[in-house]
Amino acid sequence: MSSPPAVDVREARGAHAPPKPRREITTAFLVSRIAVLAVAAALLLYALPPLVAARSWPAVVILCAATAAIAYLYLTRRFVPAKYLIPGTVFLIAFQVFPVLYTVSTAFTNFGDGHRGDKRAAITAIESGSVRQAPGSPEYSLTAALKGEALVFLLVDPATKQVQAGDAAGLTPVPGAQVGVTGKVLRAPGYTVLTAPQAAARGQDVTALSVPTPGGLIKANGLSRAVEGRATLVYDARCDCVQGEGDRWAADEGQGYFVNAKGQHLAQGWQVNVGLSNFARVVTDPTISRYFAGVFGWNVVFALASVGTTFALGMAVALALHHPRMRGTKAYRIALILPYAMPSFAMLLVWRDMFNRDFGLINQLFGVDVDWMGQPSTARFAVVLVNLWLGFPYMFLVTTGALQAIPRELTEAASIDGATPWNGFRRVTLPLLLVALTPLLISSFAFNFNNFNAIALTSEGGPFPAESPQVGATDLLITYTFRLAFGTGGAQFGFAAAISVFIFAIVAIISAVTFRRTRRQEEVYA
């Protein structure tokens, strides 16, 4: 008996295998791919010329490599998951990870007014700021101009009438320049002469520009005159110090200042790493540590009161409109979300005027004479009330959505079993609502813990006691530290970043504890 003919298994499988589905190229797919490639190309064309001009070759290599990788990723049919994950990852790093890391790194520096640049920039600012006109030094007619995008001085020598261009590199002759009868340069080949309004708009740049000369520096004296002078403070690299005016300031790398023997320092410094000093200042500085605990306590009360009141009112309104016998719910819902739709800053300013003691609507409406923002208790009640009005529409919206997801059979079964409406709400509806809304309540707590606008635009942190004008009764940590870091003493970004890290840690700990306690409830009702 002959054996059956051999059959190739691969051919048999191929005969019965379903055909591979063809990938459908939709319009949305093409538009998204073109959009990503267009953005990448635009960033390359925008960032490449300045990087090449600055000779920042590592950045050029990274930019070109990233653009090539994006082009390869979106021009090939492979790596489909990466096409969706990489844009989200890039945005996550750019808008979440990088700001957090930058804030933390800034907290360990003295970055702020007087410490914005490096040591070389500080030396230049010190020498330029100490320039004084020397006796007999020439005075030039000044015309502000641009060479490309850079600001330059077009200087007319009063003796020779020659025109020279001055910038940070020095003086350069300008042949063919046309000078008017007033001494102003009208035209200059290769330069764009600025009009008086244009020069006035760049007044700070004009004042900051210094043109080095063999005898000193040329500085602007207004917008039409420039004088040559000498720096009274000069940096000496041999001793790493600044000398002049009968004194000597040595560089202190720990503070980022030039300090003399008396402990006095020059106004201009440079950015240095100060370690944990910004964090230690919160504990050791009596003007901060003395009030930190009180402000923190009120901060917690304000956040909890804001979340509790807005959730209670929003849930009550949502329950009322969710009742099956309720009519006209659409009109009510539109009216109730109006506070949420209005610009919050404008509403906060309106509420501040409503609480005014002299002409406020609340005092006139109720016929009382209450200084709402002048007493700690009334001011705190007022800011919580304003935040309740602004915040309850959000809670109303999310609670309405959560209620619609709860089957009515559960509440009907509870009523059939003899449960009263209150017991049905407390035993069935509320636990299910909390399971769905607990993450939103925690995020609302974190938001209100740092609700700067609610305080700054209504009470401005006040009222302030006479013995402590720096901290008010309604100050939150964020408004208190904002006043300390950006008050009359100038901007202290490093200190503000350290306080931000403190606030982040506090909110993170409270949120983590709350999530851990509510997880058990989620497991019970899952």
Protein backbone atom coordinates (compact mmCIF):
# COMPACT_ATOMS: atom_id res chain seq x y z
CA MET A 1 0.00 0.00 0.00
CA SER A 2 1.52 3.25 -1.10
CA SER A 3 1.91 6.08 1.40
CA PRO A 4 0.08 9.38 0.86
CA PRO A 5 2.07 12.14 -0.78
CA ALA A 6 4.01 14.39 1.58
CA VAL A 7 2.50 17.79 2.19
CA ASP A 8 4.57 20.77 3.16
CA VAL A 9 3.28 21.90 6.53
CA ARG A 10 4.26 25.53 5.90
CA GLU A 11 2.34 25.54 2.61
CA ALA A 12 -0.69 23.99 4.31
CA ARG A 13 -0.64 26.56 7.05
CA GLY A 14 -0.12 29.34 4.57
CA ALA A 15 -3.12 28.17 2.53
CA HIS A 16 -5.44 28.39 5.51
CA ALA A 17 -3.81 31.32 7.33
CA PRO A 18 -5.84 34.52 7.28
CA PRO A 19 -4.35 37.33 5.26
CA LYS A 20 -2.43 39.96 7.20
CA PRO A 21 -4.59 42.99 7.84
CA ARG A 22 -3.53 46.00 5.87
CA ARG A 23 -2.82 49.04 7.94
CA GLU A 24 -5.36 51.70 7.18
CA ILE A 25 -3.76 55.12 6.85
CA THR A 26 -6.32 57.61 8.08
CA THR A 27 -6.34 61.37 7.74
CA ALA A 28 -5.81 61.80 11.48
CA PHE A 29 -2.76 59.51 11.32
CA LEU A 30 -1.21 61.55 8.51
CA VAL A 31 -2.01 64.89 10.14
CA SER A 32 -0.51 63.81 13.47
CA ARG A 33 2.64 62.51 11.77
CA ILE A 34 3.04 65.66 9.69
CA ALA A 35 2.43 67.84 12.76
CA VAL A 36 5.12 66.09 14.80
CA LEU A 37 7.65 66.27 11.97
CA ALA A 38 6.81 69.93 11.33
CA VAL A 39 7.30 70.85 14.99
CA ALA A 40 10.62 68.98 15.11
CA ALA A 41 11.84 70.72 11.95
CA ALA A 42 10.72 74.13 13.24
CA LEU A 43 12.58 73.63 16.51
CA LEU A 44 15.69 72.58 14.60
CA LEU A 45 15.59 75.64 12.33
CA TYR A 46 14.89 77.95 15.28
CA ALA A 47 17.52 76.66 17.70
CA LEU A 48 20.35 75.63 15.37
CA PRO A 49 21.62 79.08 14.18
CA PRO A 50 22.08 80.58 17.69
CA LEU A 51 23.75 77.40 18.93
CA VAL A 52 26.17 77.43 15.99
CA ALA A 53 26.85 81.14 16.52
CA ALA A 54 27.62 80.46 20.19
CA ARG A 55 29.82 77.48 19.19
CA SER A 56 27.85 75.22 21.53
CA TRP A 57 28.77 72.07 19.65
CA PRO A 58 27.52 69.50 22.22
CA ALA A 59 24.08 71.13 22.12
CA VAL A 60 24.18 71.13 18.30
CA VAL A 61 24.98 67.41 18.25
CA ILE A 62 22.18 66.61 20.73
CA LEU A 63 19.66 68.73 18.80
CA CYS A 64 20.52 67.17 15.44
CA ALA A 65 20.51 63.64 16.88
CA ALA A 66 17.12 64.17 18.53
CA THR A 67 15.65 65.58 15.30
CA ALA A 68 17.04 62.67 13.27
CA ALA A 69 15.63 60.15 15.76
CA ILE A 70 12.19 61.77 15.61
CA ALA A 71 12.27 61.81 11.80
CA TYR A 72 13.29 58.14 11.65
CA LEU A 73 10.65 57.16 14.20
CA TYR A 74 7.76 58.82 12.36
CA LEU A 75 8.85 58.03 8.80
CA THR A 76 9.03 54.29 9.37
CA ARG A 77 6.22 51.79 9.91
CA ARG A 78 7.99 50.23 12.88
CA PHE A 79 7.91 51.20 16.58
CA VAL A 80 4.19 51.95 16.62
CA PRO A 81 3.89 52.14 20.46
CA ALA A 82 6.85 54.54 20.61
CA LYS A 83 5.07 56.93 18.27
CA TYR A 84 2.50 57.53 21.00
CA LEU A 85 4.68 57.15 24.10
CA ILE A 86 7.58 59.41 23.17
CA PRO A 87 5.58 62.68 22.73
CA GLY A 88 3.88 62.14 26.08
CA THR A 89 7.18 61.30 27.74
CA VAL A 90 8.81 64.42 26.30
CA PHE A 91 6.00 66.65 27.55
CA LEU A 92 6.09 64.94 30.95
CA ILE A 93 9.80 65.63 31.28
CA ALA A 94 9.52 69.20 29.98
CA PHE A 95 6.53 70.31 32.04
CA GLN A 96 6.72 68.13 35.17
CA VAL A 97 10.07 66.48 35.81
CA PHE A 98 12.34 69.32 34.72
CA PRO A 99 10.55 72.10 36.71
CA VAL A 100 10.62 69.96 39.86
CA LEU A 101 14.30 69.11 39.47
CA TYR A 102 15.15 72.72 38.65
CA THR A 103 13.27 73.97 41.72
CA VAL A 104 15.05 71.48 43.98
CA SER A 105 18.45 72.37 42.54
CA THR A 106 17.73 76.11 42.93
CA ALA A 107 16.92 75.55 46.62
CA PHE A 108 20.60 74.73 47.23
CA THR A 109 21.85 78.02 45.72
CA ASN A 110 21.74 81.72 46.57
CA PHE A 111 20.08 82.56 43.25
CA GLY A 112 18.28 85.90 43.46
CA ASP A 113 18.79 89.64 43.13
CA GLY A 114 22.52 90.31 43.18
CA HIS A 115 23.27 86.63 42.49
CA ARG A 116 21.84 86.03 39.03
CA GLY A 117 25.04 85.40 37.08
CA ASP A 118 28.50 83.96 37.44
CA LYS A 119 31.56 85.55 38.99
CA ARG A 120 32.80 87.03 35.71
CA ALA A 121 29.48 88.81 35.18
CA ALA A 122 29.59 90.13 38.76
CA ILE A 123 33.08 91.58 38.23
CA THR A 124 31.99 93.26 35.01
CA ALA A 125 28.94 94.76 36.74
CA ILE A 126 31.03 96.02 39.66
CA GLU A 127 33.62 97.67 37.44
CA SER A 128 31.03 99.13 35.06
CA GLY A 129 28.90 100.45 37.89
CA SER A 130 31.85 102.26 39.46
CA VAL A 131 32.81 104.21 36.34
CA ARG A 132 33.25 107.92 37.05
CA GLN A 133 33.98 110.59 34.46
CA ALA A 134 37.63 111.53 34.55
CA PRO A 135 38.61 115.23 34.39
CA GLY A 136 39.23 116.29 30.82
CA SER A 137 37.80 113.09 29.32
CA PRO A 138 35.90 113.48 26.02
CA GLU A 139 32.14 113.60 25.77
CA TYR A 140 30.59 111.98 22.73
CA SER A 141 27.32 112.46 20.87
CA LEU A 142 25.50 109.16 21.24
CA THR A 143 23.16 107.40 18.84
CA ALA A 144 21.81 103.96 19.72
CA ALA A 145 21.82 101.47 16.85
CA LEU A 146 21.63 97.78 16.09
CA LYS A 147 24.12 95.58 14.32
CA GLY A 148 22.06 92.52 13.58
CA GLU A 149 20.32 91.97 16.92
CA ALA A 150 23.11 93.43 19.10
CA LEU A 151 22.90 96.93 20.57
CA VAL A 152 25.82 99.26 19.74
CA PHE A 153 26.73 102.90 20.35
CA LEU A 154 27.40 105.16 17.36
CA LEU A 155 29.74 107.75 18.89
CA VAL A 156 30.68 111.07 17.26
CA ASP A 157 33.98 112.51 18.50
CA PRO A 158 33.38 116.24 19.14
CA ALA A 159 36.91 117.14 18.07
CA THR A 160 37.43 115.08 14.91
CA LYS A 161 33.74 114.50 13.99
CA GLN A 162 34.61 110.90 13.24
CA VAL A 163 32.03 108.20 13.89
CA GLN A 164 32.93 105.05 15.79
CA ALA A 165 30.81 102.06 16.77
CA GLY A 166 31.20 100.92 20.35
CA ASP A 167 30.19 97.60 21.87
CA ALA A 168 31.47 95.26 24.56
CA ALA A 169 34.50 94.44 22.38
CA GLY A 170 35.65 98.06 21.96
CA LEU A 171 35.57 100.82 19.35
CA THR A 172 35.41 100.32 15.57
CA PRO A 173 35.54 103.10 12.89
CA VAL A 174 32.40 103.52 10.79
CA PRO A 175 33.28 104.97 7.39
CA GLY A 176 30.51 106.53 5.35
CA ALA A 177 28.30 107.47 8.30
CA GLN A 178 26.06 110.53 7.88
CA VAL A 179 25.90 112.92 10.84
CA GLY A 180 23.17 115.51 11.30
CA VAL A 181 23.52 119.10 12.47
CA THR A 182 22.71 118.10 16.05
CA GLY A 183 25.49 115.54 16.15
CA LYS A 184 23.18 112.54 15.83
CA VAL A 185 24.06 109.82 13.33
CA LEU A 186 21.38 109.65 10.64
CA ARG A 187 22.68 106.71 8.62
CA ALA A 188 25.52 104.24 8.98
CA PRO A 189 26.36 101.39 6.57
CA GLY A 190 25.71 98.03 8.19
CA TYR A 191 23.81 99.48 11.16
CA THR A 192 20.14 100.13 11.94
CA VAL A 193 19.78 103.50 13.64
CA LEU A 194 17.15 103.49 16.38
CA THR A 195 14.64 106.30 16.68
CA ALA A 196 14.21 108.13 19.96
CA PRO A 197 11.17 106.07 21.06
CA GLN A 198 12.94 102.84 20.11
CA ALA A 199 16.04 103.84 22.08
CA ALA A 200 13.92 104.85 25.07
CA ALA A 201 12.22 101.44 25.01
CA ARG A 202 15.67 99.85 25.38
CA GLY A 203 16.81 102.31 28.03
CA GLN A 204 18.00 99.60 30.43
CA ASP A 205 20.16 98.01 27.73
CA VAL A 206 21.62 101.41 26.82
CA THR A 207 22.49 102.11 30.44
CA ALA A 208 24.03 98.67 30.96
CA LEU A 209 26.29 98.74 27.88
CA SER A 210 29.95 99.62 28.56
CA VAL A 211 32.50 100.21 25.80
CA PRO A 212 36.08 99.51 26.88
CA THR A 213 38.80 101.98 25.88
CA PRO A 214 42.53 102.19 26.62
CA GLY A 215 41.81 104.87 29.22
CA GLY A 216 38.74 103.35 30.84
CA LEU A 217 35.12 102.82 29.78
CA ILE A 218 32.52 104.73 27.78
CA LYS A 219 29.08 104.83 29.38
CA ALA A 220 25.85 106.43 28.26
CA ASN A 221 24.75 109.61 29.99
CA GLY A 222 21.12 109.63 28.92
CA LEU A 223 20.16 108.73 25.36
CA SER A 224 22.10 111.40 23.46
CA ARG A 225 25.41 111.74 25.33
CA ALA A 226 28.18 109.36 26.36
CA VAL A 227 31.22 110.05 28.52
CA GLU A 228 34.50 108.27 29.02
CA GLY A 229 35.46 107.50 32.56
CA ARG A 230 37.45 105.18 34.73
CA ALA A 231 36.31 102.46 37.06
CA THR A 232 36.95 103.33 40.72
CA LEU A 233 36.66 99.63 41.61
CA VAL A 234 39.00 97.27 39.76
CA TYR A 235 39.32 93.51 40.02
CA ASP A 236 42.79 92.08 40.67
CA ALA A 237 43.11 88.43 39.68
CA ARG A 238 46.34 88.00 41.65
CA CYS A 239 44.57 88.40 44.99
CA ASP A 240 41.09 87.50 43.72
CA CYS A 241 39.81 90.75 45.12
CA VAL A 242 38.35 94.12 44.16
CA GLN A 243 40.36 97.21 45.06
CA GLY A 244 39.52 100.87 44.99
CA GLU A 245 38.10 103.78 46.97
CA GLY A 246 40.62 103.12 49.72
CA ASP A 247 39.39 99.62 50.50
CA ARG A 248 39.84 96.01 49.46
CA TRP A 249 37.13 93.38 49.02
CA ALA A 250 38.19 89.73 48.90
CA ALA A 251 36.13 87.08 47.13
CA ASP A 252 34.10 84.86 49.47
CA GLU A 253 33.08 81.76 47.53
CA GLY A 254 30.79 80.62 50.34
CA GLN A 255 28.58 83.71 50.17
CA GLY A 256 29.14 84.67 46.54
CA TYR A 257 30.23 88.20 47.51
CA PHE A 258 33.32 90.38 47.62
CA VAL A 259 33.75 91.12 51.36
CA ASN A 260 36.05 93.61 53.10
CA ALA A 261 37.73 93.34 56.49
CA LYS A 262 34.69 94.85 58.26
CA GLY A 263 32.40 92.14 56.92
CA GLN A 264 30.71 94.50 54.45
CA HIS A 265 30.13 93.27 50.93
CA LEU A 266 29.62 94.86 47.54
CA ALA A 267 26.08 94.91 46.21
CA GLN A 268 26.79 92.69 43.22
CA GLY A 269 27.51 89.01 43.83
CA TRP A 270 27.41 85.75 41.94
CA GLN A 271 25.54 82.46 42.16
CA VAL A 272 27.10 79.75 44.34
CA ASN A 273 26.00 76.55 46.03
CA VAL A 274 25.03 77.25 49.65
CA GLY A 275 24.09 73.70 50.64
CA LEU A 276 21.31 73.43 53.23
CA SER A 277 21.49 77.04 54.42
CA ASN A 278 18.17 77.98 52.76
CA PHE A 279 16.45 75.06 54.52
CA ALA A 280 18.17 75.81 57.83
CA ARG A 281 17.01 79.41 57.60
CA VAL A 282 13.40 78.29 58.01
CA VAL A 283 14.31 76.84 61.42
CA THR A 284 17.02 79.21 62.63
CA ASP A 285 15.74 82.59 61.40
CA PRO A 286 13.47 83.89 64.20
CA THR A 287 11.46 86.07 61.81
CA ILE A 288 10.42 82.89 59.99
CA SER A 289 10.40 80.07 62.54
CA ARG A 290 8.44 82.13 65.08
CA TYR A 291 5.36 82.25 62.87
CA PHE A 292 5.85 79.15 60.73
CA ALA A 293 3.81 76.82 62.99
CA GLY A 294 0.90 79.26 63.27
CA VAL A 295 0.75 79.88 59.54
CA PHE A 296 0.99 76.14 58.88
CA GLY A 297 -1.92 75.43 61.26
CA TRP A 298 -4.18 77.99 59.61
CA ASN A 299 -3.05 76.67 56.21
CA VAL A 300 -4.30 73.18 57.08
CA VAL A 301 -7.56 74.55 58.48
CA PHE A 302 -8.15 76.66 55.37
CA ALA A 303 -7.51 73.73 53.01
CA LEU A 304 -9.70 71.33 54.99
CA ALA A 305 -12.49 73.91 55.40
CA SER A 306 -12.40 74.74 51.69
CA VAL A 307 -12.59 71.09 50.65
CA GLY A 308 -15.20 70.17 53.26
CA THR A 309 -17.56 73.07 52.62
CA THR A 310 -17.33 72.93 48.83
CA PHE A 311 -17.86 69.16 48.80
CA ALA A 312 -20.80 69.33 51.22
CA LEU A 313 -22.58 72.10 49.31
CA GLY A 314 -21.78 70.66 45.87
CA MET A 315 -22.99 67.20 46.94
CA ALA A 316 -26.17 68.59 48.49
CA VAL A 317 -27.06 70.47 45.31
CA ALA A 318 -26.18 67.45 43.15
CA LEU A 319 -28.39 65.17 45.28
CA ALA A 320 -31.28 67.62 45.05
CA LEU A 321 -31.06 67.83 41.25
CA HIS A 322 -30.55 64.06 40.97
CA HIS A 323 -33.93 63.32 42.53
CA PRO A 324 -36.28 61.74 39.95
CA ARG A 325 -39.09 64.18 40.78
CA MET A 326 -36.90 67.23 40.13
CA ARG A 327 -37.88 69.31 37.10
CA GLY A 328 -35.86 71.88 35.17
CA THR A 329 -32.53 70.35 36.13
CA LYS A 330 -30.76 71.62 33.00
CA ALA A 331 -31.57 75.25 33.76
CA TYR A 332 -30.50 74.84 37.40
CA ARG A 333 -27.21 73.20 36.41
CA ILE A 334 -26.38 75.98 33.96
CA ALA A 335 -27.03 78.59 36.63
CA LEU A 336 -25.00 76.74 39.27
CA ILE A 337 -21.84 76.40 37.19
CA LEU A 338 -21.65 80.13 36.44
CA PRO A 339 -19.21 80.82 39.33
CA TYR A 340 -16.96 78.10 37.90
CA ALA A 341 -17.13 79.61 34.41
CA MET A 342 -16.28 83.17 35.48
CA PRO A 343 -12.59 84.27 35.74
CA SER A 344 -11.59 83.59 39.32
CA PHE A 345 -9.31 86.60 39.70
CA ALA A 346 -12.11 88.97 38.68
CA MET A 347 -14.57 87.34 41.07
CA LEU A 348 -12.06 87.52 43.92
CA LEU A 349 -11.66 91.25 43.38
CA VAL A 350 -15.45 91.68 43.31
CA TRP A 351 -15.79 89.76 46.59
CA ARG A 352 -13.06 91.89 48.16
CA ASP A 353 -15.07 95.03 47.40
CA MET A 354 -18.25 93.37 48.67
CA PHE A 355 -16.57 92.88 52.06
CA ASN A 356 -15.44 96.51 52.23
CA ARG A 357 -16.47 98.10 55.50
CA ASP A 358 -17.46 101.51 54.11
CA PHE A 359 -19.18 100.80 50.78
CA GLY A 360 -19.33 97.00 50.61
CA LEU A 361 -22.55 95.33 49.48
CA ILE A 362 -22.66 92.89 52.42
CA ASN A 363 -22.68 95.59 55.11
CA GLN A 364 -25.23 97.66 53.19
CA LEU A 365 -27.44 94.65 52.49
CA PHE A 366 -27.63 93.50 56.12
CA GLY A 367 -27.38 96.95 57.68
CA VAL A 368 -24.26 96.15 59.74
CA ASP A 369 -20.92 97.83 60.26
CA VAL A 370 -18.46 94.94 60.34
CA ASP A 371 -14.80 95.38 59.47
CA TRP A 372 -14.58 92.03 57.71
CA MET A 373 -10.93 92.28 56.71
CA GLY A 374 -9.86 94.10 59.86
CA GLN A 375 -10.36 91.27 62.38
CA PRO A 376 -8.66 87.85 62.20
CA SER A 377 -11.84 85.81 62.78
CA THR A 378 -14.01 87.67 60.28
CA ALA A 379 -11.23 87.81 57.69
CA ARG A 380 -10.72 84.04 57.89
CA PHE A 381 -14.46 83.45 57.65
CA ALA A 382 -14.63 85.76 54.63
CA VAL A 383 -11.87 84.01 52.66
CA VAL A 384 -13.40 80.57 53.37
CA LEU A 385 -16.80 81.87 52.26
CA VAL A 386 -15.35 83.31 49.03
CA ASN A 387 -13.54 80.05 48.32
CA LEU A 388 -16.79 78.14 48.96
CA TRP A 389 -18.61 80.22 46.35
CA LEU A 390 -15.82 79.68 43.82
CA GLY A 391 -15.26 75.98 44.52
CA PHE A 392 -18.63 74.34 45.03
CA PRO A 393 -19.60 74.27 41.29
CA TYR A 394 -16.64 71.97 40.62
CA MET A 395 -17.73 69.62 43.38
CA PHE A 396 -21.28 69.81 42.06
CA LEU A 397 -20.15 68.74 38.59
CA VAL A 398 -18.00 65.80 39.70
CA THR A 399 -20.60 64.63 42.22
CA THR A 400 -23.31 64.76 39.55
CA GLY A 401 -21.23 62.53 37.32
CA ALA A 402 -20.51 60.09 40.16
CA LEU A 403 -24.19 59.92 41.12
CA GLN A 404 -25.19 58.99 37.59
CA ALA A 405 -22.76 56.07 37.75
CA ILE A 406 -24.43 54.63 40.88
CA PRO A 407 -27.23 52.19 39.95
CA ARG A 408 -30.61 53.27 41.31
CA GLU A 409 -31.30 49.62 42.14
CA LEU A 410 -28.97 49.89 45.12
CA THR A 411 -30.85 52.74 46.75
CA GLU A 412 -34.19 51.20 45.86
CA ALA A 413 -33.10 47.89 47.42
CA ALA A 414 -32.06 49.74 50.58
CA SER A 415 -35.47 51.44 50.83
CA ILE A 416 -37.24 48.11 50.28
CA ASP A 417 -35.20 46.64 53.15
CA GLY A 418 -36.59 49.36 55.39
CA ALA A 419 -33.75 51.87 55.32
CA THR A 420 -34.69 55.50 55.80
CA PRO A 421 -33.51 58.03 53.18
CA TRP A 422 -30.79 59.20 55.57
CA ASN A 423 -29.58 55.66 56.27
CA GLY A 424 -29.64 54.85 52.55
CA PHE A 425 -27.52 57.90 51.83
CA ARG A 426 -25.11 57.23 54.70
CA ARG A 427 -24.76 53.48 54.09
CA VAL A 428 -24.95 53.27 50.29
CA THR A 429 -24.66 56.54 48.38
CA LEU A 430 -21.99 58.34 50.41
CA PRO A 431 -19.50 55.42 50.58
CA LEU A 432 -19.79 54.86 46.83
CA LEU A 433 -19.31 58.58 46.20
CA LEU A 434 -16.22 58.67 48.39
CA VAL A 435 -14.70 55.71 46.56
CA ALA A 436 -15.02 57.61 43.27
CA LEU A 437 -14.23 61.11 44.52
CA THR A 438 -11.48 60.58 47.11
CA PRO A 439 -8.65 61.24 44.59
CA LEU A 440 -10.39 64.46 43.53
CA LEU A 441 -10.83 65.55 47.16
CA ILE A 442 -7.15 64.96 47.84
CA SER A 443 -6.14 66.94 44.76
CA SER A 444 -8.52 69.70 45.82
CA PHE A 445 -6.84 69.76 49.23
CA ALA A 446 -3.42 70.09 47.59
CA PHE A 447 -4.72 72.92 45.37
CA ASN A 448 -6.24 74.86 48.27
CA PHE A 449 -3.15 74.31 50.39
CA ASN A 450 -1.33 76.49 47.81
CA ASN A 451 -4.27 78.71 46.83
CA PHE A 452 -2.30 81.91 46.41
CA ASN A 453 -4.95 83.89 44.53
CA ALA A 454 -7.71 83.29 47.10
CA ILE A 455 -5.65 85.08 49.76
CA ALA A 456 -3.60 87.57 47.76
CA LEU A 457 -6.60 89.02 45.89
CA THR A 458 -9.04 89.21 48.81
CA SER A 459 -7.34 89.83 52.16
CA GLU A 460 -3.72 90.17 50.94
CA GLY A 461 -2.77 88.06 53.95
CA GLY A 462 -4.10 90.55 56.50
CA PRO A 463 -4.99 91.76 58.96
CA PHE A 464 -1.45 92.33 60.20
CA PRO A 465 -0.70 92.80 63.90
CA ALA A 466 1.32 95.84 64.91
CA GLU A 467 4.16 93.73 66.31
CA SER A 468 4.52 91.61 63.17
CA PRO A 469 3.90 93.41 59.88
CA GLN A 470 5.40 90.49 57.93
CA VAL A 471 2.77 87.84 58.68
CA GLY A 472 -1.01 88.26 58.59
CA ALA A 473 -3.92 86.34 60.09
CA THR A 474 -4.99 84.87 56.74
CA ASP A 475 -1.53 84.20 55.34
CA LEU A 476 -0.94 80.76 53.89
CA LEU A 477 2.55 79.32 53.66
CA ILE A 478 2.69 80.26 50.00
CA THR A 479 1.71 83.93 50.56
CA TYR A 480 3.89 84.22 53.68
CA THR A 481 7.00 82.94 51.94
CA PHE A 482 6.23 84.98 48.83
CA ARG A 483 6.34 88.12 50.97
CA LEU A 484 9.58 87.02 52.61
CA ALA A 485 11.28 85.96 49.38
CA PHE A 486 10.05 88.76 47.08
CA GLY A 487 9.37 91.60 49.49
CA THR A 488 11.35 94.76 50.10
CA GLY A 489 14.60 92.81 50.40
CA GLY A 490 14.54 91.81 46.72
CA ALA A 491 13.93 88.51 45.00
CA GLN A 492 15.43 85.46 46.74
CA PHE A 493 14.70 82.62 44.37
CA GLY A 494 16.85 80.09 46.23
CA PHE A 495 15.02 80.67 49.49
CA ALA A 496 11.64 80.59 47.75
CA ALA A 497 12.59 77.28 46.11
CA ALA A 498 13.54 75.83 49.52
CA ILE A 499 10.14 76.80 50.94
CA SER A 500 8.49 75.25 47.88
CA VAL A 501 10.26 71.98 48.64
CA PHE A 502 8.96 72.19 52.24
CA ILE A 503 5.40 72.75 51.02
CA PHE A 504 5.71 69.93 48.50
CA ALA A 505 6.89 67.54 51.22
CA ILE A 506 4.04 68.54 53.56
CA VAL A 507 1.35 68.10 50.88
CA ALA A 508 2.91 64.83 49.70
CA ILE A 509 2.94 63.36 53.22
CA ILE A 510 -0.66 64.39 53.93
CA SER A 511 -1.82 63.05 50.55
CA ALA A 512 0.05 59.75 51.02
CA VAL A 513 -1.47 59.20 54.47
CA THR A 514 -4.95 60.02 53.15
CA PHE A 515 -4.59 57.67 50.19
CA ARG A 516 -3.43 54.88 52.49
CA ARG A 517 -6.42 55.31 54.82
CA THR A 518 -8.95 55.46 51.99
CA ARG A 519 -7.52 52.44 50.19
CA ARG A 520 -9.15 50.14 52.73
CA GLN A 521 -12.51 51.70 51.98
CA GLU A 522 -11.97 51.21 48.25
CA GLU A 523 -11.20 47.51 48.85
CA VAL A 524 -14.41 47.07 50.85
CA TYR A 525 -16.69 48.62 48.21
CA ALA A 526 -14.79 47.38 45.15
